[in-house]
Amino acid sequence: MRYIFKFPDIGEGLEEGKIVEWYVEKGQTISSGDPLVKMETDKVVTDIPSPKSGVIAQRFGGLGDIVKVGNALVEIEIEGVSGAEAVAEAATTPALASNQQVEEKGFGVVGTIEVAGDGAYLPASGEGMQAAAQPVQEQKRSKVLATPVARAMAKELGVDINQVTGSGPAGRVTRKDIEGYGRKKDYAAPVSTSPQPPATARIEIKPLSMIRRTIAKNMIRSKQNAAHMSVMDEVEVSALVEARKSLNQKLEATQDKLSFLPFVIKAVAQALKSHPSLNSEIDLEGDRMIYKHYYNIGIAVDTDDGLVAPVIRDADRKSLLQISRELKSISEKARDRKLTPDDFKDGTFSITSYGSIGGYFAVPVINYPQAAILGIGKIVEKPVVKDKQVVVGNVMPISMSVDHRIVDGGEVARFLNEVLDYLNNPLYLMLQMGGSQ
């Protein structure tokens, strides 16, 4: 019996992924839980495991192909199982339940399964048996096998893919089939409208990575949906510089070393408690505001592939040292491309730190649908007034963008003043700290 295994939704709202590496070949014997393929999504690179033991009958898609969630990845031959037995077994196997997460051998979730040929679509409910009773020809009409590229091309050209005869394995519709059908129907084959550069041109064209595509989409979504307003300020942090220096001296015998970012995270988390609108989001369709009484701070991490924002959870309840260790962990995971979808979930406010690379002020883009994002720049020595005397002080620049639909200017100023007060007076900040070292 053959099963078609589909690309599962391995994260909330995932739409597609790119094939990075195949672990299996046609004819290869596999066991349940073995990795089938490495997929790059908008946030992570992850291995997709097999839900069943058997033999790979067919792979769908090549390296670099974009696969939509729900499209076929592999066809698996299950030895010693008849069609009716396979349907009954799959319908009662917990590992095949729709949207159910299965963790085997360290791998993530698995997707839905479809019986190839004379079988049926097998969702989590008992409807799988009803589908099995459908005539084979009816199933073929309702579910045409096609490559992801062919489906995208058909959609772009307005071609009914059900009317196209496939030339690929098992009648699979390919890009060439769509192009051929389009020519017959006087459709224009999809060609680039941009002039192709000559071979000697001094430019290089590369396909967008999944992460870069997602960054582009998210930035546009944020700018189009949130009413951005930005404010900037400076805070004298000489006391913070000395406090950090003193704490790091105490930590010399350990592997730990505090940066300024944990102090900023703590200051923001504490100030959010006094200003709940900054820790909320707006739901216009539901005509309501959603206030969150947890403080999960997303931290922008610069990687070779682009900017990602994993989350420090419950930052208000953690110590500086706990936050520092988590920052180190998620930064390493981000740069090694080992973050999981859970690392990005449930953020309520974001912080971006560009001071480490020399930036001063910025106009950060909100991580929509959050209400605000705070940016910190490079600490510099500048003349400041203390006790009516001009002295050299350490000054940290702060930039902040908010969704003006949610937050008014006065509330932003009050929130920012509280954050700056904590950073100017770190002893007061430490009095507010929770968690254990």
Protein backbone atom coordinates (compact mmCIF):
# COMPACT_ATOMS: atom_id res chain seq x y z
CA MET A 1 0.00 0.00 0.00
CA ARG A 2 1.32 3.47 -0.85
CA TYR A 3 0.87 6.61 1.20
CA ILE A 4 1.39 10.20 0.16
CA PHE A 5 2.91 12.17 3.02
CA LYS A 6 2.22 15.90 2.92
CA PHE A 7 4.27 18.84 4.15
CA PRO A 8 2.89 19.59 7.65
CA ASP A 9 2.35 22.92 9.35
CA ILE A 10 5.32 22.95 11.74
CA GLY A 11 4.55 26.41 13.06
CA GLU A 12 1.59 28.68 13.64
CA GLY A 13 0.44 30.13 10.34
CA LEU A 14 3.14 28.46 8.24
CA GLU A 15 2.29 28.59 4.53
CA GLU A 16 5.29 27.14 2.74
CA GLY A 17 8.85 25.90 3.02
CA LYS A 18 11.89 25.38 0.82
CA ILE A 19 13.58 22.02 0.30
CA VAL A 20 17.15 22.35 1.57
CA GLU A 21 18.29 18.72 1.63
CA TRP A 22 16.83 15.30 0.91
CA TYR A 23 17.82 12.51 3.31
CA VAL A 24 16.12 9.73 1.34
CA GLU A 25 16.28 8.34 -2.18
CA LYS A 26 13.72 6.46 -4.22
CA GLY A 27 13.79 2.80 -3.20
CA GLN A 28 15.33 3.51 0.22
CA THR A 29 13.95 1.65 3.24
CA ILE A 30 13.01 3.92 6.15
CA SER A 31 11.69 3.56 9.69
CA SER A 32 9.09 5.63 11.46
CA GLY A 33 10.75 8.78 12.82
CA ASP A 34 13.61 8.77 10.31
CA PRO A 35 14.26 12.22 8.81
CA LEU A 36 12.97 12.56 5.26
CA VAL A 37 13.92 16.08 4.26
CA LYS A 38 15.39 19.28 5.67
CA MET A 39 13.02 22.23 5.12
CA GLU A 40 13.68 25.94 5.49
CA THR A 41 10.68 27.94 6.66
CA ASP A 42 10.30 31.63 7.34
CA LYS A 43 12.00 31.29 10.73
CA VAL A 44 13.71 27.93 11.10
CA VAL A 45 15.46 25.13 9.29
CA THR A 46 14.07 21.80 10.47
CA ASP A 47 13.99 18.11 9.65
CA ILE A 48 10.69 16.48 8.73
CA PRO A 49 10.38 12.87 10.02
CA SER A 50 8.53 9.98 8.46
CA PRO A 51 5.30 8.89 10.19
CA LYS A 52 5.61 5.33 8.89
CA SER A 53 8.12 2.62 8.10
CA GLY A 54 8.37 1.47 4.51
CA VAL A 55 10.09 2.12 1.19
CA ILE A 56 10.32 5.49 -0.56
CA ALA A 57 8.35 5.12 -3.79
CA GLN A 58 8.62 8.74 -4.92
CA ARG A 59 10.02 12.10 -3.86
CA PHE A 60 8.17 15.26 -4.81
CA GLY A 61 10.27 18.35 -5.40
CA GLY A 62 13.92 19.13 -5.89
CA LEU A 63 16.46 21.15 -3.94
CA GLY A 64 15.37 24.76 -3.71
CA ASP A 65 11.74 24.06 -4.59
CA ILE A 66 9.06 25.88 -2.59
CA VAL A 67 6.48 23.49 -1.13
CA LYS A 68 3.13 24.70 0.18
CA VAL A 69 1.79 23.26 3.42
CA GLY A 70 -0.46 20.35 2.47
CA ASN A 71 1.40 19.51 -0.74
CA ALA A 72 2.98 16.08 -1.19
CA LEU A 73 6.55 15.46 -0.02
CA VAL A 74 7.02 11.70 -0.45
CA GLU A 75 5.13 8.58 -1.41
CA ILE A 76 5.80 5.65 0.94
CA GLU A 77 5.25 1.98 0.14
CA ILE A 78 3.98 0.21 3.28
CA GLU A 79 4.81 -3.47 2.99
CA GLY A 80 2.34 -6.13 4.07
CA VAL A 81 -0.63 -3.77 4.40
CA SER A 82 -3.64 -3.92 2.09
CA GLY A 83 -5.63 -0.84 1.09
CA ALA A 84 -8.51 -1.45 3.52
CA GLU A 85 -6.11 -2.41 6.32
CA ALA A 86 -4.04 0.70 5.71
CA VAL A 87 -7.07 2.95 5.92
CA ALA A 88 -8.23 1.33 9.16
CA GLU A 89 -4.74 1.39 10.64
CA ALA A 90 -4.10 5.01 9.73
CA ALA A 91 -7.46 6.13 11.06
CA THR A 92 -6.68 4.61 14.46
CA THR A 93 -3.00 5.58 14.66
CA PRO A 94 -2.51 8.56 17.01
CA ALA A 95 0.62 9.60 15.14
CA LEU A 96 -1.47 10.40 12.09
CA ALA A 97 -4.02 12.62 13.80
CA SER A 98 -4.45 15.95 12.06
CA ASN A 99 -2.62 18.85 13.75
CA GLN A 100 -1.25 16.49 16.42
CA GLN A 101 2.40 16.93 17.28
CA VAL A 102 4.56 13.83 17.27
CA GLU A 103 8.07 13.85 18.62
CA GLU A 104 10.22 10.89 17.66
CA LYS A 105 14.00 10.71 17.80
CA GLY A 106 14.26 14.42 18.42
CA PHE A 107 12.32 15.50 15.35
CA GLY A 108 9.23 17.69 15.09
CA VAL A 109 5.68 17.27 13.92
CA VAL A 110 4.37 15.13 11.10
CA GLY A 111 1.69 15.98 8.56
CA THR A 112 -1.39 14.46 7.02
CA ILE A 113 -1.36 11.27 5.00
CA GLU A 114 -3.13 10.38 1.81
CA VAL A 115 -3.49 6.88 0.45
CA ALA A 116 -2.25 6.83 -3.12
CA GLY A 117 -4.22 5.31 -5.95
CA ASP A 118 -7.08 3.28 -4.53
CA GLY A 119 -7.08 4.59 -0.97
CA ALA A 120 -8.42 7.70 0.74
CA TYR A 121 -7.52 10.93 2.45
CA LEU A 122 -7.01 10.20 6.12
CA PRO A 123 -7.72 13.08 8.51
CA ALA A 124 -7.90 12.70 12.27
CA SER A 125 -11.66 12.05 12.29
CA GLY A 126 -13.58 9.04 11.01
CA GLU A 127 -14.20 10.83 7.74
CA GLY A 128 -11.26 8.95 6.29
CA MET A 129 -13.41 5.87 5.85
CA GLN A 130 -16.04 7.89 4.04
CA ALA A 131 -13.44 9.20 1.68
CA ALA A 132 -12.28 5.66 1.01
CA ALA A 133 -15.70 4.83 -0.36
CA GLN A 134 -15.36 7.41 -3.15
CA PRO A 135 -14.69 6.12 -6.66
CA VAL A 136 -11.05 6.33 -7.67
CA GLN A 137 -11.80 8.53 -10.69
CA GLU A 138 -13.64 11.04 -8.51
CA GLN A 139 -10.65 11.25 -6.18
CA LYS A 140 -8.32 11.87 -9.09
CA ARG A 141 -10.48 14.72 -10.32
CA SER A 142 -10.59 16.37 -6.91
CA LYS A 143 -6.92 15.93 -6.06
CA VAL A 144 -4.52 16.31 -8.97
CA LEU A 145 -0.88 15.52 -8.32
CA ALA A 146 1.27 18.48 -9.34
CA THR A 147 4.60 20.05 -8.47
CA PRO A 148 4.52 23.21 -6.33
CA VAL A 149 5.92 25.21 -9.26
CA ALA A 150 3.17 23.90 -11.55
CA ARG A 151 0.47 24.84 -9.06
CA ALA A 152 1.85 28.34 -8.63
CA MET A 153 2.14 28.80 -12.39
CA ALA A 154 -1.39 27.53 -12.98
CA LYS A 155 -2.73 29.98 -10.40
CA GLU A 156 -0.82 32.87 -11.97
CA LEU A 157 -2.06 32.08 -15.48
CA GLY A 158 -5.60 31.25 -14.48
CA VAL A 159 -5.26 27.66 -15.68
CA ASP A 160 -7.58 25.03 -14.21
CA ILE A 161 -5.01 22.46 -13.18
CA ASN A 162 -7.68 19.75 -13.13
CA GLN A 163 -7.91 20.10 -16.93
CA VAL A 164 -4.18 19.55 -17.49
CA THR A 165 -2.84 16.10 -18.38
CA GLY A 166 0.29 15.40 -16.38
CA SER A 167 3.41 13.94 -17.97
CA GLY A 168 5.27 13.28 -14.73
CA PRO A 169 5.38 10.13 -12.59
CA ALA A 170 1.90 8.83 -11.74
CA GLY A 171 0.40 11.53 -13.98
CA ARG A 172 1.93 14.36 -11.97
CA VAL A 173 1.45 17.79 -13.58
CA THR A 174 4.74 19.61 -14.16
CA ARG A 175 5.73 23.11 -15.16
CA LYS A 176 6.12 22.03 -18.78
CA ASP A 177 2.58 20.67 -18.77
CA ILE A 178 1.22 24.03 -17.60
CA GLU A 179 3.31 25.90 -20.17
CA GLY A 180 2.10 23.60 -22.93
CA TYR A 181 -1.52 23.91 -21.86
CA GLY A 182 -1.15 27.67 -21.61
CA ARG A 183 0.13 27.92 -25.18
CA LYS A 184 -2.79 25.86 -26.41
CA LYS A 185 -5.20 28.24 -24.65
CA ASP A 186 -3.32 31.32 -25.87
CA TYR A 187 -1.96 32.01 -22.41
CA ALA A 188 1.37 33.75 -22.25
CA ALA A 189 4.02 31.58 -20.65
CA PRO A 190 5.38 33.27 -17.52
CA VAL A 191 8.56 35.06 -18.42
CA SER A 192 10.47 37.69 -16.57
CA THR A 193 9.46 41.23 -17.48
CA SER A 194 12.89 42.44 -16.47
CA PRO A 195 15.59 42.45 -19.15
CA GLN A 196 18.10 39.69 -18.66
CA PRO A 197 21.58 41.08 -18.01
CA PRO A 198 24.38 40.09 -20.34
CA ALA A 199 26.84 37.49 -19.11
CA THR A 200 29.43 40.17 -18.47
CA ALA A 201 27.12 42.44 -16.45
CA ARG A 202 28.45 43.61 -13.12
CA ILE A 203 25.50 42.36 -11.13
CA GLU A 204 24.58 39.08 -9.49
CA ILE A 205 21.05 37.73 -9.17
CA LYS A 206 20.21 35.34 -6.34
CA PRO A 207 16.88 33.89 -5.23
CA LEU A 208 15.42 35.23 -2.00
CA SER A 209 15.86 33.04 1.05
CA MET A 210 12.75 32.07 2.98
CA ILE A 211 13.87 34.27 5.88
CA ARG A 212 14.45 37.31 3.66
CA ARG A 213 11.07 36.82 1.95
CA THR A 214 9.38 36.67 5.33
CA ILE A 215 11.23 39.74 6.62
CA ALA A 216 10.08 41.65 3.54
CA LYS A 217 6.46 40.56 3.98
CA ASN A 218 6.44 41.31 7.71
CA MET A 219 7.97 44.76 7.27
CA ILE A 220 5.38 45.72 4.65
CA ARG A 221 2.56 44.28 6.78
CA SER A 222 3.73 46.30 9.78
CA LYS A 223 4.08 49.58 7.90
CA GLN A 224 0.73 49.12 6.16
CA ASN A 225 -1.25 48.15 9.27
CA ALA A 226 0.33 49.97 12.23
CA ALA A 227 0.27 53.75 12.60
CA HIS A 228 3.96 54.18 13.35
CA MET A 229 5.07 56.98 15.65
CA SER A 230 8.67 57.27 16.87
CA VAL A 231 10.33 59.04 19.78
CA MET A 232 14.00 59.37 20.69
CA ASP A 233 15.81 60.29 23.88
CA GLU A 234 19.11 59.91 25.72
CA VAL A 235 19.88 58.73 29.23
CA GLU A 236 23.01 59.20 31.32
CA VAL A 237 24.10 55.70 32.39
CA SER A 238 27.43 56.16 34.19
CA ALA A 239 26.01 54.43 37.28
CA LEU A 240 24.86 51.54 35.08
CA VAL A 241 28.32 51.27 33.51
CA GLU A 242 29.87 51.00 36.97
CA ALA A 243 27.24 48.53 38.20
CA ARG A 244 27.82 46.26 35.21
CA LYS A 245 31.58 46.47 35.67
CA SER A 246 31.27 45.53 39.35
CA LEU A 247 28.95 42.59 38.63
CA ASN A 248 31.22 41.25 35.91
CA GLN A 249 34.16 41.34 38.30
CA LYS A 250 32.13 39.12 40.63
CA LEU A 251 31.45 36.77 37.71
CA GLU A 252 35.08 36.44 36.58
CA ALA A 253 35.34 32.91 37.97
CA THR A 254 32.33 31.80 35.90
CA GLN A 255 31.53 31.58 32.21
CA ASP A 256 29.02 34.41 32.55
CA LYS A 257 29.45 38.02 31.50
CA LEU A 258 26.73 40.65 31.54
CA SER A 259 26.14 42.99 28.63
CA PHE A 260 23.92 46.07 28.91
CA LEU A 261 21.01 44.33 27.18
CA PRO A 262 19.79 42.34 30.24
CA PHE A 263 19.47 45.61 32.16
CA VAL A 264 17.40 47.11 29.35
CA ILE A 265 15.18 44.01 29.18
CA LYS A 266 14.54 44.17 32.93
CA ALA A 267 13.82 47.91 32.78
CA VAL A 268 11.33 47.43 29.94
CA ALA A 269 9.61 44.46 31.59
CA GLN A 270 9.13 46.38 34.83
CA ALA A 271 7.88 49.52 33.09
CA LEU A 272 5.37 47.52 31.04
CA LYS A 273 3.58 46.58 34.26
CA SER A 274 2.78 50.25 34.84
CA HIS A 275 1.82 50.88 31.21
CA PRO A 276 -0.33 47.97 29.98
CA SER A 277 -1.19 49.58 26.64
CA LEU A 278 2.43 49.07 25.57
CA ASN A 279 1.99 45.34 26.21
CA SER A 280 -1.21 44.94 24.22
CA GLU A 281 -2.54 44.56 20.70
CA ILE A 282 -5.61 45.84 18.91
CA ASP A 283 -8.27 43.64 17.33
CA LEU A 284 -10.31 45.87 15.05
CA GLU A 285 -12.39 43.02 13.66
CA GLY A 286 -13.44 42.04 17.17
CA ASP A 287 -13.72 45.68 18.23
CA ARG A 288 -11.54 45.07 21.29
CA MET A 289 -8.15 45.52 22.92
CA ILE A 290 -6.11 42.55 24.13
CA TYR A 291 -4.03 43.27 27.23
CA LYS A 292 -1.37 40.69 28.11
CA HIS A 293 -0.39 40.10 31.71
CA TYR A 294 2.81 38.30 30.80
CA TYR A 295 6.00 39.92 29.60
CA ASN A 296 7.71 38.04 26.78
CA ILE A 297 10.36 40.24 25.21
CA GLY A 298 11.38 39.56 21.61
CA ILE A 299 15.06 40.23 20.96
CA ALA A 300 16.23 41.08 17.45
CA VAL A 301 19.24 38.92 16.55
CA ASP A 302 21.40 39.75 13.54
CA THR A 303 22.39 36.62 11.59
CA ASP A 304 23.97 35.93 8.22
CA ASP A 305 20.53 34.98 6.91
CA GLY A 306 18.71 38.04 8.23
CA LEU A 307 17.07 39.41 11.34
CA VAL A 308 15.11 37.09 13.63
CA ALA A 309 13.41 37.86 16.95
CA PRO A 310 13.30 34.95 19.42
CA VAL A 311 11.60 35.56 22.74
CA ILE A 312 12.77 35.84 26.36
CA ARG A 313 9.73 34.57 28.27
CA ASP A 314 8.54 36.02 31.58
CA ALA A 315 11.38 38.53 31.64
CA ASP A 316 9.86 40.30 34.63
CA ARG A 317 10.33 37.17 36.78
CA LYS A 318 13.94 36.45 35.83
CA SER A 319 17.21 37.76 37.17
CA LEU A 320 19.85 39.57 35.14
CA LEU A 321 21.95 36.43 35.07
CA GLN A 322 19.09 34.23 33.89
CA ILE A 323 18.30 36.67 31.10
CA SER A 324 21.96 36.93 30.14
CA ARG A 325 22.24 33.15 29.82
CA GLU A 326 19.08 32.96 27.73
CA LEU A 327 20.34 35.72 25.46
CA LYS A 328 23.53 33.79 24.85
CA SER A 329 21.60 30.59 24.16
CA ILE A 330 19.09 32.05 21.70
CA SER A 331 21.78 34.07 19.92
CA GLU A 332 23.85 30.94 19.35
CA LYS A 333 20.79 28.99 18.21
CA ALA A 334 19.83 31.79 15.84
CA ARG A 335 23.25 31.95 14.22
CA ASP A 336 23.43 28.14 13.97
CA ARG A 337 19.89 28.07 12.52
CA LYS A 338 18.66 25.85 15.33
CA LEU A 339 15.75 27.96 16.57
CA THR A 340 12.37 26.22 16.70
CA PRO A 341 8.90 27.73 16.14
CA ASP A 342 8.39 27.75 19.92
CA ASP A 343 11.30 30.18 20.27
CA PHE A 344 9.26 32.85 18.45
CA LYS A 345 5.84 32.38 20.03
CA ASP A 346 3.89 34.77 22.21
CA GLY A 347 6.14 37.83 22.15
CA THR A 348 4.51 40.94 23.64
CA PHE A 349 7.16 43.65 23.10
CA SER A 350 10.41 43.79 21.13
CA ILE A 351 13.88 45.24 21.65
CA THR A 352 16.52 45.78 18.99
CA SER A 353 20.11 46.57 19.94
CA TYR A 354 22.19 48.12 17.16
CA GLY A 355 24.66 49.82 19.48
CA SER A 356 27.03 46.86 19.33
CA ILE A 357 27.66 47.63 15.66
CA GLY A 358 28.01 51.37 16.18
CA GLY A 359 24.45 52.60 15.61
CA TYR A 360 23.13 55.56 17.59
CA PHE A 361 19.53 56.53 16.79
CA ALA A 362 17.12 54.59 14.56
CA VAL A 363 13.46 54.36 13.64
CA PRO A 364 12.72 50.67 14.36
CA VAL A 365 9.79 48.94 12.68
CA ILE A 366 7.18 47.44 15.01
CA ASN A 367 7.00 43.66 15.19
CA TYR A 368 3.32 43.65 14.23
CA PRO A 369 0.82 43.07 15.85
CA GLN A 370 2.77 44.15 18.94
CA ALA A 371 2.24 47.71 20.13
CA ALA A 372 5.85 48.88 20.33
CA ILE A 373 9.55 48.25 19.82
CA LEU A 374 12.49 49.87 21.62
CA GLY A 375 15.96 50.32 20.14
CA ILE A 376 19.20 50.95 22.01
CA GLY A 377 22.27 52.52 20.46
CA LYS A 378 25.95 52.75 21.29
CA ILE A 379 26.92 54.22 24.67
CA VAL A 380 29.24 57.18 24.13
CA GLU A 381 31.03 59.65 26.35
CA LYS A 382 29.46 63.09 26.14
CA PRO A 383 29.37 66.29 28.20
CA VAL A 384 26.55 66.15 30.74
CA VAL A 385 25.45 68.43 33.57
CA LYS A 386 25.70 67.02 37.11
CA ASP A 387 25.23 69.19 40.18
CA LYS A 388 25.41 72.26 37.92
CA GLN A 389 28.79 71.15 36.64
CA VAL A 390 29.64 70.02 33.11
CA VAL A 391 31.34 66.64 33.32
CA VAL A 392 31.98 63.70 31.02
CA GLY A 393 29.19 61.14 31.25
CA ASN A 394 28.20 57.90 29.56
CA VAL A 395 25.11 58.45 27.42
CA MET A 396 22.86 55.75 25.94
CA PRO A 397 20.59 56.74 23.02
CA ILE A 398 17.08 55.26 23.01
CA SER A 399 14.71 55.06 20.04
CA MET A 400 11.16 53.80 20.22
CA SER A 401 8.38 53.17 17.71
CA VAL A 402 4.77 52.60 18.76
CA ASP A 403 1.46 51.90 17.09
CA HIS A 404 -0.37 55.21 17.49
CA ARG A 405 -3.70 53.41 17.09
CA ILE A 406 -3.00 51.79 20.46
CA VAL A 407 -0.79 54.22 22.35
CA ASP A 408 -1.01 58.00 22.72
CA GLY A 409 2.03 60.24 22.88
CA GLY A 410 1.65 61.02 26.59
CA GLU A 411 1.62 57.34 27.52
CA VAL A 412 4.72 56.73 25.40
CA ALA A 413 6.56 59.56 27.17
CA ARG A 414 5.60 58.27 30.62
CA PHE A 415 6.67 54.73 29.76
CA LEU A 416 9.97 55.87 28.30
CA ASN A 417 10.68 58.10 31.30
CA GLU A 418 10.24 55.11 33.61
CA VAL A 419 12.59 52.99 31.51
CA LEU A 420 15.19 55.78 31.47
CA ASP A 421 14.85 56.22 35.24
CA TYR A 422 15.64 52.54 35.78
CA LEU A 423 18.69 52.75 33.51
CA ASN A 424 19.90 55.95 35.14
CA ASN A 425 19.48 54.43 38.61
CA PRO A 426 20.33 50.70 38.40
CA LEU A 427 20.05 50.22 42.18
CA TYR A 428 16.37 51.12 41.93
CA LEU A 429 16.01 48.66 39.05
CA MET A 430 17.61 45.89 41.09
CA LEU A 431 15.05 46.41 43.83
CA GLN A 432 12.35 45.43 41.33
CA MET A 433 14.01 42.23 40.18
CA GLY A 434 12.52 38.77 40.56
CA GLY A 435 13.99 35.36 39.92
CA SER A 436 17.05 33.70 41.36
CA GLN A 437 20.65 33.79 40.30
